[in-house]
Amino acid sequence: MALQCASCDSACTASQGGLPAGISEIHKLSREQSSPTRSGPQKLMSNTKATQLRPGMVIQHEGQLFTIFSVDHRTPGNKRGSMQTRMRNLRTGAIIDYRFRAEEFVERAILDEVEFEYLYSEGDDFHFMNTKNYEQMQMSREELGETVYYLIPSTLVKVEFFEEKAIGVDLPDTMDMKVIQTEPTLQKATASAVMKPATLETGLVVQVPPFVNEGDRIKVDTSEARYVQRVE
């Protein structure tokens, strides 16, 4: 039996017993965004500095929910830094490019998160397994954006759901990844020497110090695709 929402004229699709807690909060968030009479879903938001944005995050921007596809931390000369982002509107599907100031704070949407294990990719489809009930699902490269460059089999991630649909993956702050191609180590190389490009196991390319070799494992900052350190 459909229930009548107090905030809308039509019947909601929730069953008489109600939706699970996480999904019902998302359902509530959806109603609150479309209702001008409410004060807004503040308790479902948290302030995040723009420099902490990562692919897969969901934010509220100009009153709408967006999932982050890609981020690029730019620091041009003496000018203030900025975060160039590409985002997808969760309601319209529209892709937009937007630049946040580095010191700016952004409202991150706290959606329903479920732990999944990343299994494997097949073409442009990426397969995950729920660690609680072992059910499997897949997401497309288009849905995941640049998150795909951090997906390594057996990695545990938080999949975010909006209106019962998986819309993004919340990545760890850092990931340990293997270098599969880079230039040979230079003699007398130091950490202060010029950086060089390295291709990692997922196809991600990052700049690394000259002493990093093929086969090494390195820690990568997922918010900036930035080398942090070599993993012993």
C-alpha atoms as a PDB file:
ATOM      1  CA  MET A   1       0.000   0.000   0.000  1.00  0.00           C
ATOM      2  CA  ALA A   2       1.401   3.442  -0.970  1.00  0.00           C
ATOM      3  CA  LEU A   3       1.772   6.029   1.774  1.00  0.00           C
ATOM      4  CA  GLN A   4       0.748   9.668   1.415  1.00  0.00           C
ATOM      5  CA  CYS A   5       3.584  12.115   2.143  1.00  0.00           C
ATOM      6  CA  ALA A   6       2.766  15.096   4.333  1.00  0.00           C
ATOM      7  CA  SER A   7       4.919  17.274   2.066  1.00  0.00           C
ATOM      8  CA  CYS A   8       3.582  16.274  -1.353  1.00  0.00           C
ATOM      9  CA  ASP A   9       0.287  15.810  -3.143  1.00  0.00           C
ATOM     10  CA  SER A  10       0.998  12.391  -4.629  1.00  0.00           C
ATOM     11  CA  ALA A  11       1.455   9.050  -2.930  1.00  0.00           C
ATOM     12  CA  CYS A  12       5.041   7.989  -2.256  1.00  0.00           C
ATOM     13  CA  THR A  13       6.280   4.589  -3.333  1.00  0.00           C
ATOM     14  CA  ALA A  14       7.285   3.595   0.205  1.00  0.00           C
ATOM     15  CA  SER A  15       5.582   0.466   1.445  1.00  0.00           C
ATOM     16  CA  GLN A  16       3.378   0.508   4.522  1.00  0.00           C
ATOM     17  CA  GLY A  17       6.227  -0.836   6.622  1.00  0.00           C
ATOM     18  CA  GLY A  18       8.472   2.036   5.495  1.00  0.00           C
ATOM     19  CA  LEU A  19      11.807   2.037   3.691  1.00  0.00           C
ATOM     20  CA  PRO A  20      15.092   1.013   5.314  1.00  0.00           C
ATOM     21  CA  ALA A  21      16.603   3.791   7.418  1.00  0.00           C
ATOM     22  CA  GLY A  22      19.292   4.870   4.930  1.00  0.00           C
ATOM     23  CA  ILE A  23      17.059   4.798   1.871  1.00  0.00           C
ATOM     24  CA  SER A  24      14.251   6.603   3.712  1.00  0.00           C
ATOM     25  CA  GLU A  25      16.675   9.412   4.542  1.00  0.00           C
ATOM     26  CA  ILE A  26      17.540   9.748   0.855  1.00  0.00           C
ATOM     27  CA  HIS A  27      13.812   9.735   0.048  1.00  0.00           C
ATOM     28  CA  LYS A  28      13.373  12.503   2.621  1.00  0.00           C
ATOM     29  CA  LEU A  29      16.294  14.444   1.148  1.00  0.00           C
ATOM     30  CA  SER A  30      14.726  14.217  -2.299  1.00  0.00           C
ATOM     31  CA  ARG A  31      11.441  15.648  -0.988  1.00  0.00           C
ATOM     32  CA  GLU A  32      13.172  18.383   0.981  1.00  0.00           C
ATOM     33  CA  GLN A  33      15.117  19.561  -2.052  1.00  0.00           C
ATOM     34  CA  SER A  34      11.947  19.947  -4.081  1.00  0.00           C
ATOM     35  CA  SER A  35       9.948  21.600  -1.287  1.00  0.00           C
ATOM     36  CA  PRO A  36      10.533  25.369  -0.814  1.00  0.00           C
ATOM     37  CA  THR A  37       8.728  25.329   2.534  1.00  0.00           C
ATOM     38  CA  ARG A  38      11.406  23.274   4.289  1.00  0.00           C
ATOM     39  CA  SER A  39      14.581  24.616   5.800  1.00  0.00           C
ATOM     40  CA  GLY A  40      16.728  22.062   3.944  1.00  0.00           C
ATOM     41  CA  PRO A  41      18.465  18.803   4.798  1.00  0.00           C
ATOM     42  CA  GLN A  42      21.213  20.311   6.953  1.00  0.00           C
ATOM     43  CA  LYS A  43      21.675  17.190   9.049  1.00  0.00           C
ATOM     44  CA  LEU A  44      22.405  15.222   5.865  1.00  0.00           C
ATOM     45  CA  MET A  45      25.167  17.615   4.790  1.00  0.00           C
ATOM     46  CA  SER A  46      28.728  18.150   5.962  1.00  0.00           C
ATOM     47  CA  ASN A  47      31.156  20.907   5.016  1.00  0.00           C
ATOM     48  CA  THR A  48      34.130  19.702   3.006  1.00  0.00           C
ATOM     49  CA  LYS A  49      36.986  21.883   1.800  1.00  0.00           C
ATOM     50  CA  ALA A  50      37.167  22.052  -1.993  1.00  0.00           C
ATOM     51  CA  THR A  51      40.707  20.655  -1.941  1.00  0.00           C
ATOM     52  CA  GLN A  52      39.296  17.454  -0.376  1.00  0.00           C
ATOM     53  CA  LEU A  53      36.899  16.731  -3.246  1.00  0.00           C
ATOM     54  CA  ARG A  54      37.449  13.343  -4.864  1.00  0.00           C
ATOM     55  CA  PRO A  55      35.871  11.472  -7.789  1.00  0.00           C
ATOM     56  CA  GLY A  56      32.764   9.637  -6.587  1.00  0.00           C
ATOM     57  CA  MET A  57      31.744  12.183  -3.932  1.00  0.00           C
ATOM     58  CA  VAL A  58      28.231  13.642  -3.988  1.00  0.00           C
ATOM     59  CA  ILE A  59      27.819  17.340  -3.202  1.00  0.00           C
ATOM     60  CA  GLN A  60      25.030  19.894  -3.088  1.00  0.00           C
ATOM     61  CA  HIS A  61      25.735  22.755  -5.493  1.00  0.00           C
ATOM     62  CA  GLU A  62      23.307  25.585  -6.203  1.00  0.00           C
ATOM     63  CA  GLY A  63      20.501  23.587  -4.577  1.00  0.00           C
ATOM     64  CA  GLN A  64      21.062  20.440  -6.661  1.00  0.00           C
ATOM     65  CA  LEU A  65      22.889  17.165  -6.030  1.00  0.00           C
ATOM     66  CA  PHE A  66      25.935  16.409  -8.188  1.00  0.00           C
ATOM     67  CA  THR A  67      28.342  13.493  -8.289  1.00  0.00           C
ATOM     68  CA  ILE A  68      32.004  14.350  -8.875  1.00  0.00           C
ATOM     69  CA  PHE A  69      33.479  12.808 -12.035  1.00  0.00           C
ATOM     70  CA  SER A  70      36.941  14.363 -12.012  1.00  0.00           C
ATOM     71  CA  VAL A  71      38.989  16.945 -10.120  1.00  0.00           C
ATOM     72  CA  ASP A  72      42.082  18.933 -11.066  1.00  0.00           C
ATOM     73  CA  HIS A  73      43.896  20.992  -8.424  1.00  0.00           C
ATOM     74  CA  ARG A  74      45.293  24.025 -10.236  1.00  0.00           C
ATOM     75  CA  THR A  75      47.842  26.468  -8.801  1.00  0.00           C
ATOM     76  CA  PRO A  76      48.727  28.887 -11.631  1.00  0.00           C
ATOM     77  CA  GLY A  77      51.803  30.941 -10.706  1.00  0.00           C
ATOM     78  CA  ASN A  78      51.203  33.412  -7.913  1.00  0.00           C
ATOM     79  CA  LYS A  79      47.424  33.196  -8.257  1.00  0.00           C
ATOM     80  CA  ARG A  80      45.230  31.444  -5.730  1.00  0.00           C
ATOM     81  CA  GLY A  81      44.709  27.745  -6.236  1.00  0.00           C
ATOM     82  CA  SER A  82      41.446  26.278  -7.487  1.00  0.00           C
ATOM     83  CA  MET A  83      39.743  22.923  -7.962  1.00  0.00           C
ATOM     84  CA  GLN A  84      38.488  22.390 -11.501  1.00  0.00           C
ATOM     85  CA  THR A  85      35.724  19.785 -11.379  1.00  0.00           C
ATOM     86  CA  ARG A  86      33.499  17.913 -13.786  1.00  0.00           C
ATOM     87  CA  MET A  87      30.168  16.917 -12.225  1.00  0.00           C
ATOM     88  CA  ARG A  88      26.916  15.181 -13.187  1.00  0.00           C
ATOM     89  CA  ASN A  89      23.533  16.439 -11.996  1.00  0.00           C
ATOM     90  CA  LEU A  90      21.768  13.489 -10.341  1.00  0.00           C
ATOM     91  CA  ARG A  91      18.314  14.645 -11.448  1.00  0.00           C
ATOM     92  CA  THR A  92      18.898  15.828 -15.018  1.00  0.00           C
ATOM     93  CA  GLY A  93      21.995  13.823 -15.911  1.00  0.00           C
ATOM     94  CA  ALA A  94      23.620  16.999 -17.270  1.00  0.00           C
ATOM     95  CA  ILE A  95      27.424  17.214 -17.118  1.00  0.00           C
ATOM     96  CA  ILE A  96      28.929  20.535 -16.033  1.00  0.00           C
ATOM     97  CA  ASP A  97      32.420  21.914 -15.444  1.00  0.00           C
ATOM     98  CA  TYR A  98      32.820  24.120 -12.374  1.00  0.00           C
ATOM     99  CA  ARG A  99      35.804  25.732 -10.660  1.00  0.00           C
ATOM    100  CA  PHE A 100      35.838  26.013  -6.862  1.00  0.00           C
ATOM    101  CA  ARG A 101      38.278  28.256  -5.006  1.00  0.00           C
ATOM    102  CA  ALA A 102      40.820  26.179  -3.061  1.00  0.00           C
ATOM    103  CA  GLU A 103      39.792  27.802   0.242  1.00  0.00           C
ATOM    104  CA  GLU A 104      36.068  27.346  -0.443  1.00  0.00           C
ATOM    105  CA  PHE A 105      33.905  24.937   1.559  1.00  0.00           C
ATOM    106  CA  VAL A 106      31.432  22.678  -0.245  1.00  0.00           C
ATOM    107  CA  GLU A 107      28.364  20.904   1.134  1.00  0.00           C
ATOM    108  CA  ARG A 108      28.917  17.172   0.830  1.00  0.00           C
ATOM    109  CA  ALA A 109      25.716  15.129   0.720  1.00  0.00           C
ATOM    110  CA  ILE A 110      25.622  12.210   3.160  1.00  0.00           C
ATOM    111  CA  LEU A 111      23.737   9.554   1.244  1.00  0.00           C
ATOM    112  CA  ASP A 112      23.091   5.921   2.033  1.00  0.00           C
ATOM    113  CA  GLU A 113      26.435   4.117   1.913  1.00  0.00           C
ATOM    114  CA  VAL A 114      26.852   0.352   1.628  1.00  0.00           C
ATOM    115  CA  GLU A 115      30.156  -1.514   1.767  1.00  0.00           C
ATOM    116  CA  PHE A 116      31.021  -3.409  -1.411  1.00  0.00           C
ATOM    117  CA  GLU A 117      34.074  -5.299  -2.591  1.00  0.00           C
ATOM    118  CA  TYR A 118      35.276  -4.427  -6.068  1.00  0.00           C
ATOM    119  CA  LEU A 119      35.606  -7.657  -8.072  1.00  0.00           C
ATOM    120  CA  TYR A 120      36.575  -7.078 -11.717  1.00  0.00           C
ATOM    121  CA  SER A 121      35.886  -5.101 -14.873  1.00  0.00           C
ATOM    122  CA  GLU A 122      34.440  -6.360 -18.137  1.00  0.00           C
ATOM    123  CA  GLY A 123      34.645  -3.831 -20.933  1.00  0.00           C
ATOM    124  CA  ASP A 124      33.131  -0.619 -19.553  1.00  0.00           C
ATOM    125  CA  ASP A 125      31.279  -2.413 -16.748  1.00  0.00           C
ATOM    126  CA  PHE A 126      32.691  -2.696 -13.221  1.00  0.00           C
ATOM    127  CA  HIS A 127      31.421  -5.426 -10.905  1.00  0.00           C
ATOM    128  CA  PHE A 128      30.985  -5.161  -7.126  1.00  0.00           C
ATOM    129  CA  MET A 129      29.778  -7.511  -4.375  1.00  0.00           C
ATOM    130  CA  ASN A 130      27.861  -6.501  -1.255  1.00  0.00           C
ATOM    131  CA  THR A 131      29.974  -7.667   1.707  1.00  0.00           C
ATOM    132  CA  LYS A 132      26.872  -8.351   3.829  1.00  0.00           C
ATOM    133  CA  ASN A 133      24.562 -10.357   1.568  1.00  0.00           C
ATOM    134  CA  TYR A 134      27.015 -11.178  -1.273  1.00  0.00           C
ATOM    135  CA  GLU A 135      24.688  -9.778  -3.923  1.00  0.00           C
ATOM    136  CA  GLN A 136      26.516  -8.479  -6.972  1.00  0.00           C
ATOM    137  CA  MET A 137      25.902  -5.382  -9.042  1.00  0.00           C
ATOM    138  CA  GLN A 138      27.659  -3.468 -11.776  1.00  0.00           C
ATOM    139  CA  MET A 139      28.288   0.186 -12.589  1.00  0.00           C
ATOM    140  CA  SER A 140      29.384   1.670 -15.892  1.00  0.00           C
ATOM    141  CA  ARG A 141      32.516   3.678 -16.629  1.00  0.00           C
ATOM    142  CA  GLU A 142      30.231   6.617 -17.405  1.00  0.00           C
ATOM    143  CA  GLU A 143      28.665   6.419 -13.930  1.00  0.00           C
ATOM    144  CA  LEU A 144      31.991   6.044 -12.138  1.00  0.00           C
ATOM    145  CA  GLY A 145      34.020   8.726 -13.928  1.00  0.00           C
ATOM    146  CA  GLU A 146      37.692   8.860 -12.891  1.00  0.00           C
ATOM    147  CA  THR A 147      36.957   6.619  -9.896  1.00  0.00           C
ATOM    148  CA  VAL A 148      37.787   3.696 -12.215  1.00  0.00           C
ATOM    149  CA  TYR A 149      41.491   4.598 -11.974  1.00  0.00           C
ATOM    150  CA  TYR A 150      41.478   3.615  -8.302  1.00  0.00           C
ATOM    151  CA  LEU A 151      39.553   0.347  -8.518  1.00  0.00           C
ATOM    152  CA  ILE A 152      41.763  -2.635  -7.751  1.00  0.00           C
ATOM    153  CA  PRO A 153      40.226  -6.131  -7.316  1.00  0.00           C
ATOM    154  CA  SER A 154      39.441  -7.025  -3.666  1.00  0.00           C
ATOM    155  CA  THR A 155      39.392  -3.350  -2.619  1.00  0.00           C
ATOM    156  CA  LEU A 156      36.618  -2.499  -0.132  1.00  0.00           C
ATOM    157  CA  VAL A 157      34.718   0.700  -1.021  1.00  0.00           C
ATOM    158  CA  LYS A 158      31.569   2.523   0.051  1.00  0.00           C
ATOM    159  CA  VAL A 159      28.980   2.656  -2.734  1.00  0.00           C
ATOM    160  CA  GLU A 160      26.596   5.615  -2.454  1.00  0.00           C
ATOM    161  CA  PHE A 161      22.918   5.234  -3.326  1.00  0.00           C
ATOM    162  CA  PHE A 162      20.374   7.871  -4.321  1.00  0.00           C
ATOM    163  CA  GLU A 163      16.707   6.871  -4.672  1.00  0.00           C
ATOM    164  CA  GLU A 164      17.817   3.210  -4.419  1.00  0.00           C
ATOM    165  CA  LYS A 165      20.223   3.560  -7.376  1.00  0.00           C
ATOM    166  CA  ALA A 166      24.008   3.305  -7.051  1.00  0.00           C
ATOM    167  CA  ILE A 167      25.396   6.662  -8.170  1.00  0.00           C
ATOM    168  CA  GLY A 168      28.997   6.745  -6.992  1.00  0.00           C
ATOM    169  CA  VAL A 169      31.856   5.202  -5.037  1.00  0.00           C
ATOM    170  CA  ASP A 170      33.437   6.871  -2.019  1.00  0.00           C
ATOM    171  CA  LEU A 171      37.168   6.227  -2.299  1.00  0.00           C
ATOM    172  CA  PRO A 172      39.678   5.967   0.546  1.00  0.00           C
ATOM    173  CA  ASP A 173      41.882   9.064   0.989  1.00  0.00           C
ATOM    174  CA  THR A 174      44.887   7.141  -0.328  1.00  0.00           C
ATOM    175  CA  MET A 175      45.464   3.944  -2.284  1.00  0.00           C
ATOM    176  CA  ASP A 176      48.543   1.719  -2.578  1.00  0.00           C
ATOM    177  CA  MET A 177      49.167   1.007  -6.260  1.00  0.00           C
ATOM    178  CA  LYS A 178      51.802  -0.756  -8.356  1.00  0.00           C
ATOM    179  CA  VAL A 179      53.983   1.018 -10.932  1.00  0.00           C
ATOM    180  CA  ILE A 180      53.939  -0.906 -14.210  1.00  0.00           C
ATOM    181  CA  GLN A 181      55.807   1.528 -16.454  1.00  0.00           C
ATOM    182  CA  THR A 182      58.248   4.379 -15.864  1.00  0.00           C
ATOM    183  CA  GLU A 183      61.686   5.501 -16.925  1.00  0.00           C
ATOM    184  CA  PRO A 184      64.659   3.744 -15.256  1.00  0.00           C
ATOM    185  CA  THR A 185      66.066   5.218 -12.069  1.00  0.00           C
ATOM    186  CA  LEU A 186      68.655   7.900 -12.726  1.00  0.00           C
ATOM    187  CA  GLN A 187      72.046   7.679 -11.075  1.00  0.00           C
ATOM    188  CA  LYS A 188      72.401   9.884  -7.993  1.00  0.00           C
ATOM    189  CA  ALA A 189      68.661  10.599  -8.141  1.00  0.00           C
ATOM    190  CA  THR A 190      67.269  12.532  -5.193  1.00  0.00           C
ATOM    191  CA  ALA A 191      63.789  13.407  -3.992  1.00  0.00           C
ATOM    192  CA  SER A 192      64.391  17.010  -5.072  1.00  0.00           C
ATOM    193  CA  ALA A 193      65.134  16.045  -8.679  1.00  0.00           C
ATOM    194  CA  VAL A 194      62.677  16.569 -11.501  1.00  0.00           C
ATOM    195  CA  MET A 195      59.648  14.261 -11.301  1.00  0.00           C
ATOM    196  CA  LYS A 196      58.849  11.736 -14.026  1.00  0.00           C
ATOM    197  CA  PRO A 197      55.590  10.136 -15.213  1.00  0.00           C
ATOM    198  CA  ALA A 198      54.656   6.640 -14.068  1.00  0.00           C
ATOM    199  CA  THR A 199      51.792   4.455 -15.283  1.00  0.00           C
ATOM    200  CA  LEU A 200      50.075   2.494 -12.519  1.00  0.00           C
ATOM    201  CA  GLU A 201      48.257  -0.842 -12.641  1.00  0.00           C
ATOM    202  CA  THR A 202      44.873   0.745 -13.410  1.00  0.00           C
ATOM    203  CA  GLY A 203      46.188   2.979 -16.200  1.00  0.00           C
ATOM    204  CA  LEU A 204      46.419   6.059 -13.962  1.00  0.00           C
ATOM    205  CA  VAL A 205      49.459   8.234 -14.714  1.00  0.00           C
ATOM    206  CA  VAL A 206      51.063  10.184 -11.855  1.00  0.00           C
ATOM    207  CA  GLN A 207      54.281  12.132 -11.416  1.00  0.00           C
ATOM    208  CA  VAL A 208      56.812  10.315  -9.219  1.00  0.00           C
ATOM    209  CA  PRO A 209      60.363  10.992  -7.961  1.00  0.00           C
ATOM    210  CA  PRO A 210      63.158   9.643 -10.190  1.00  0.00           C
ATOM    211  CA  PHE A 211      64.121   6.895  -7.690  1.00  0.00           C
ATOM    212  CA  VAL A 212      60.762   5.089  -8.178  1.00  0.00           C
ATOM    213  CA  ASN A 213      61.106   1.967 -10.355  1.00  0.00           C
ATOM    214  CA  GLU A 214      58.787  -0.342 -12.238  1.00  0.00           C
ATOM    215  CA  GLY A 215      57.348  -2.888  -9.819  1.00  0.00           C
ATOM    216  CA  ASP A 216      57.427  -0.498  -6.859  1.00  0.00           C
ATOM    217  CA  ARG A 217      54.259   0.139  -4.883  1.00  0.00           C
ATOM    218  CA  ILE A 218      53.406   3.751  -4.135  1.00  0.00           C
ATOM    219  CA  LYS A 219      50.783   5.531  -2.069  1.00  0.00           C
ATOM    220  CA  VAL A 220      48.561   7.852  -4.135  1.00  0.00           C
ATOM    221  CA  ASP A 221      46.333  10.687  -2.912  1.00  0.00           C
ATOM    222  CA  THR A 222      42.950   9.989  -4.557  1.00  0.00           C
ATOM    223  CA  SER A 223      41.800  13.614  -4.332  1.00  0.00           C
ATOM    224  CA  GLU A 224      44.589  14.883  -6.594  1.00  0.00           C
ATOM    225  CA  ALA A 225      46.025  11.772  -8.288  1.00  0.00           C
ATOM    226  CA  ARG A 226      49.254  12.732  -6.487  1.00  0.00           C
ATOM    227  CA  TYR A 227      52.231  10.641  -5.392  1.00  0.00           C
ATOM    228  CA  VAL A 228      52.596  10.566  -1.592  1.00  0.00           C
ATOM    229  CA  GLN A 229      55.372   8.084  -0.887  1.00  0.00           C
ATOM    230  CA  ARG A 230      56.896   4.774  -1.881  1.00  0.00           C
ATOM    231  CA  VAL A 231      55.478   1.813   0.049  1.00  0.00           C
ATOM    232  CA  GLU A 232      58.129  -0.482   1.501  1.00  0.00           C
END
